[in-house]
């Protein structure tokens, strides 16, 4: 099986206890893109930054784009962030964790976890697509 964000991140989220943001960051570590500190940084973005604001999987994906294309790199991260946002909101309309999970009152329920793994998968898939497209341009 090919290793990429969409094969790694959902599994890390469902089976290994990583949060939404951490699962994206941990996938980046396993793909050789990031280091362990990156996963620790991603922790604070879990659960909508602890207050339900920005979806952690979206935040983790944006962090990966910044890591690969931010300042001191090619500085295209802001444009890529906009593109990622547009692709995600085309599917889910919003990036707010509270809105995305409004139907799941119990934070620790199986139903919410299954719903959130779909967010992780969609973010990972979009990230894989965008990184593949960028690779083709080079």
C-alpha atoms as a PDB file:
ATOM      1  CA  UNK A   1       0.000   0.000   0.000  1.00  0.00           C
ATOM      2  CA  UNK A   2       1.302   3.413  -0.978  1.00  0.00           C
ATOM      3  CA  UNK A   3       2.109   5.703   1.933  1.00  0.00           C
ATOM      4  CA  UNK A   4       0.538   9.130   1.684  1.00  0.00           C
ATOM      5  CA  UNK A   5      -1.532  11.441   3.864  1.00  0.00           C
ATOM      6  CA  UNK A   6      -4.870   9.829   3.029  1.00  0.00           C
ATOM      7  CA  UNK A   7      -3.680   6.318   3.884  1.00  0.00           C
ATOM      8  CA  UNK A   8      -1.814   7.323   7.044  1.00  0.00           C
ATOM      9  CA  UNK A   9      -3.749  10.127   8.753  1.00  0.00           C
ATOM     10  CA  UNK A  10      -7.173   8.447   9.144  1.00  0.00           C
ATOM     11  CA  UNK A  11      -5.542   5.311  10.524  1.00  0.00           C
ATOM     12  CA  UNK A  12      -3.480   7.364  12.991  1.00  0.00           C
ATOM     13  CA  UNK A  13      -6.658   9.145  14.076  1.00  0.00           C
ATOM     14  CA  UNK A  14      -8.832   6.044  14.465  1.00  0.00           C
ATOM     15  CA  UNK A  15      -6.367   3.442  15.656  1.00  0.00           C
ATOM     16  CA  UNK A  16      -3.453   5.138  17.370  1.00  0.00           C
ATOM     17  CA  UNK A  17      -5.043   7.853  19.462  1.00  0.00           C
ATOM     18  CA  UNK A  18      -3.798  10.892  17.591  1.00  0.00           C
ATOM     19  CA  UNK A  19      -6.108  13.890  17.450  1.00  0.00           C
ATOM     20  CA  UNK A  20      -7.291  15.390  14.174  1.00  0.00           C
ATOM     21  CA  UNK A  21      -4.416  17.872  13.877  1.00  0.00           C
ATOM     22  CA  UNK A  22      -1.854  15.437  15.285  1.00  0.00           C
ATOM     23  CA  UNK A  23      -2.831  12.732  12.792  1.00  0.00           C
ATOM     24  CA  UNK A  24      -2.012  15.014   9.862  1.00  0.00           C
ATOM     25  CA  UNK A  25       1.246  16.094  11.529  1.00  0.00           C
ATOM     26  CA  UNK A  26       2.197  12.516  12.431  1.00  0.00           C
ATOM     27  CA  UNK A  27       1.560  11.462   8.838  1.00  0.00           C
ATOM     28  CA  UNK A  28       3.977  14.217   7.772  1.00  0.00           C
ATOM     29  CA  UNK A  29       6.540  12.742  10.178  1.00  0.00           C
ATOM     30  CA  UNK A  30       6.039   9.238   8.792  1.00  0.00           C
ATOM     31  CA  UNK A  31       6.391  10.599   5.246  1.00  0.00           C
ATOM     32  CA  UNK A  32       9.724  12.204   6.161  1.00  0.00           C
ATOM     33  CA  UNK A  33       8.413  15.755   5.827  1.00  0.00           C
ATOM     34  CA  UNK A  34       8.441  16.786   9.490  1.00  0.00           C
ATOM     35  CA  UNK A  35      10.074  15.975  12.808  1.00  0.00           C
ATOM     36  CA  UNK A  36       8.579  14.951  16.156  1.00  0.00           C
ATOM     37  CA  UNK A  37       8.372  18.538  17.406  1.00  0.00           C
ATOM     38  CA  UNK A  38       5.963  19.233  14.559  1.00  0.00           C
ATOM     39  CA  UNK A  39       3.551  16.654  16.020  1.00  0.00           C
ATOM     40  CA  UNK A  40       3.817  18.307  19.441  1.00  0.00           C
ATOM     41  CA  UNK A  41       3.082  21.712  17.932  1.00  0.00           C
ATOM     42  CA  UNK A  42      -0.005  20.280  16.229  1.00  0.00           C
ATOM     43  CA  UNK A  43      -1.466  19.176  19.588  1.00  0.00           C
ATOM     44  CA  UNK A  44      -2.677  22.675  20.451  1.00  0.00           C
ATOM     45  CA  UNK A  45      -4.766  22.761  17.256  1.00  0.00           C
ATOM     46  CA  UNK A  46      -6.841  19.714  18.280  1.00  0.00           C
ATOM     47  CA  UNK A  47     -10.552  20.098  18.861  1.00  0.00           C
ATOM     48  CA  UNK A  48     -10.687  23.432  17.091  1.00  0.00           C
ATOM     49  CA  UNK A  49      -7.743  24.868  19.033  1.00  0.00           C
ATOM     50  CA  UNK A  50      -9.371  23.740  22.238  1.00  0.00           C
ATOM     51  CA  UNK A  51     -12.415  25.963  21.728  1.00  0.00           C
ATOM     52  CA  UNK A  52     -14.083  24.539  18.652  1.00  0.00           C
ATOM     53  CA  UNK A  53     -12.928  27.173  16.214  1.00  0.00           C
ATOM     54  CA  UNK A  54     -10.826  25.948  13.263  1.00  0.00           C
ATOM     55  CA  UNK A  55     -11.061  22.221  12.427  1.00  0.00           C
ATOM     56  CA  UNK A  56      -7.838  20.613  13.653  1.00  0.00           C
ATOM     57  CA  UNK A  57      -7.416  18.556  10.489  1.00  0.00           C
ATOM     58  CA  UNK A  58      -7.594  21.754   8.446  1.00  0.00           C
ATOM     59  CA  UNK A  59      -5.097  23.415  10.792  1.00  0.00           C
ATOM     60  CA  UNK A  60      -2.717  20.459  10.579  1.00  0.00           C
ATOM     61  CA  UNK A  61      -2.916  20.506   6.789  1.00  0.00           C
ATOM     62  CA  UNK A  62      -2.236  24.233   6.703  1.00  0.00           C
ATOM     63  CA  UNK A  63       0.772  23.647   8.964  1.00  0.00           C
ATOM     64  CA  UNK A  64       2.146  21.097   6.491  1.00  0.00           C
ATOM     65  CA  UNK A  65       1.724  23.565   3.629  1.00  0.00           C
ATOM     66  CA  UNK A  66       3.528  26.206   5.669  1.00  0.00           C
ATOM     67  CA  UNK A  67       6.309  23.813   6.584  1.00  0.00           C
ATOM     68  CA  UNK A  68       6.896  22.918   2.943  1.00  0.00           C
ATOM     69  CA  UNK A  69       6.154  26.267   1.264  1.00  0.00           C
ATOM     70  CA  UNK A  70       6.386  29.017   3.874  1.00  0.00           C
ATOM     71  CA  UNK A  71       8.941  31.659   4.673  1.00  0.00           C
ATOM     72  CA  UNK A  72      12.494  30.533   3.934  1.00  0.00           C
ATOM     73  CA  UNK A  73      11.097  28.134   1.308  1.00  0.00           C
ATOM     74  CA  UNK A  74       9.295  29.341  -1.835  1.00  0.00           C
ATOM     75  CA  UNK A  75       6.898  31.544   0.211  1.00  0.00           C
ATOM     76  CA  UNK A  76       3.785  30.269  -1.595  1.00  0.00           C
ATOM     77  CA  UNK A  77       2.111  28.997   1.599  1.00  0.00           C
ATOM     78  CA  UNK A  78      -0.513  31.761   1.754  1.00  0.00           C
ATOM     79  CA  UNK A  79      -1.697  31.061  -1.783  1.00  0.00           C
ATOM     80  CA  UNK A  80      -1.703  27.339  -1.073  1.00  0.00           C
ATOM     81  CA  UNK A  81      -3.643  27.965   2.155  1.00  0.00           C
ATOM     82  CA  UNK A  82      -6.312  29.780   0.159  1.00  0.00           C
ATOM     83  CA  UNK A  83      -6.468  26.958  -2.352  1.00  0.00           C
ATOM     84  CA  UNK A  84      -6.761  24.377   0.426  1.00  0.00           C
ATOM     85  CA  UNK A  85      -9.536  26.402   2.089  1.00  0.00           C
ATOM     86  CA  UNK A  86     -11.462  26.629  -1.187  1.00  0.00           C
ATOM     87  CA  UNK A  87     -11.217  22.899  -1.815  1.00  0.00           C
ATOM     88  CA  UNK A  88     -12.289  22.004   1.724  1.00  0.00           C
ATOM     89  CA  UNK A  89     -15.203  24.446   1.830  1.00  0.00           C
ATOM     90  CA  UNK A  90     -16.393  23.229  -1.563  1.00  0.00           C
ATOM     91  CA  UNK A  91     -17.085  19.923   0.212  1.00  0.00           C
ATOM     92  CA  UNK A  92     -17.983  21.011   3.752  1.00  0.00           C
ATOM     93  CA  UNK A  93     -18.980  24.695   3.362  1.00  0.00           C
ATOM     94  CA  UNK A  94     -17.115  25.748   6.565  1.00  0.00           C
ATOM     95  CA  UNK A  95     -13.878  25.082   8.454  1.00  0.00           C
ATOM     96  CA  UNK A  96     -15.238  25.744  11.953  1.00  0.00           C
ATOM     97  CA  UNK A  97     -15.075  22.645  14.154  1.00  0.00           C
ATOM     98  CA  UNK A  98     -18.186  23.697  16.120  1.00  0.00           C
ATOM     99  CA  UNK A  99     -20.227  23.960  12.938  1.00  0.00           C
ATOM    100  CA  UNK A 100     -18.795  20.792  11.378  1.00  0.00           C
ATOM    101  CA  UNK A 101     -19.607  18.792  14.536  1.00  0.00           C
ATOM    102  CA  UNK A 102     -22.836  20.531  15.624  1.00  0.00           C
ATOM    103  CA  UNK A 103     -24.826  17.293  15.372  1.00  0.00           C
ATOM    104  CA  UNK A 104     -22.469  15.458  17.762  1.00  0.00           C
ATOM    105  CA  UNK A 105     -22.910  16.768  21.309  1.00  0.00           C
ATOM    106  CA  UNK A 106     -20.777  14.102  22.993  1.00  0.00           C
ATOM    107  CA  UNK A 107     -17.164  14.967  22.147  1.00  0.00           C
ATOM    108  CA  UNK A 108     -16.043  11.378  22.825  1.00  0.00           C
ATOM    109  CA  UNK A 109     -18.839   9.513  21.043  1.00  0.00           C
ATOM    110  CA  UNK A 110     -18.153   6.906  18.359  1.00  0.00           C
ATOM    111  CA  UNK A 111     -20.399   8.847  15.992  1.00  0.00           C
ATOM    112  CA  UNK A 112     -18.391  12.051  16.367  1.00  0.00           C
ATOM    113  CA  UNK A 113     -15.112  10.170  15.978  1.00  0.00           C
ATOM    114  CA  UNK A 114     -16.386   8.611  12.742  1.00  0.00           C
ATOM    115  CA  UNK A 115     -17.555  12.014  11.530  1.00  0.00           C
ATOM    116  CA  UNK A 116     -14.190  13.577  12.366  1.00  0.00           C
ATOM    117  CA  UNK A 117     -12.235  10.827  10.623  1.00  0.00           C
ATOM    118  CA  UNK A 118     -14.073  11.904   7.481  1.00  0.00           C
ATOM    119  CA  UNK A 119     -12.708  15.434   8.005  1.00  0.00           C
ATOM    120  CA  UNK A 120      -9.211  13.992   8.517  1.00  0.00           C
ATOM    121  CA  UNK A 121      -9.552  11.904   5.361  1.00  0.00           C
ATOM    122  CA  UNK A 122     -10.816  14.826   3.269  1.00  0.00           C
ATOM    123  CA  UNK A 123      -8.004  17.067   4.483  1.00  0.00           C
ATOM    124  CA  UNK A 124      -5.421  14.354   3.846  1.00  0.00           C
ATOM    125  CA  UNK A 125      -6.797  13.705   0.355  1.00  0.00           C
ATOM    126  CA  UNK A 126      -6.767  17.413  -0.524  1.00  0.00           C
ATOM    127  CA  UNK A 127      -3.232  17.711   0.826  1.00  0.00           C
ATOM    128  CA  UNK A 128      -2.083  14.710  -1.244  1.00  0.00           C
ATOM    129  CA  UNK A 129      -3.712  16.162  -4.363  1.00  0.00           C
ATOM    130  CA  UNK A 130      -2.184  19.600  -3.889  1.00  0.00           C
ATOM    131  CA  UNK A 131       1.301  18.251  -3.163  1.00  0.00           C
ATOM    132  CA  UNK A 132       1.119  15.984  -6.233  1.00  0.00           C
ATOM    133  CA  UNK A 133       0.037  18.931  -8.386  1.00  0.00           C
ATOM    134  CA  UNK A 134       2.922  21.026  -7.045  1.00  0.00           C
ATOM    135  CA  UNK A 135       5.374  18.217  -7.774  1.00  0.00           C
ATOM    136  CA  UNK A 136       4.150  18.061 -11.381  1.00  0.00           C
ATOM    137  CA  UNK A 137       4.795  21.789 -11.822  1.00  0.00           C
ATOM    138  CA  UNK A 138       8.458  21.409 -10.891  1.00  0.00           C
END
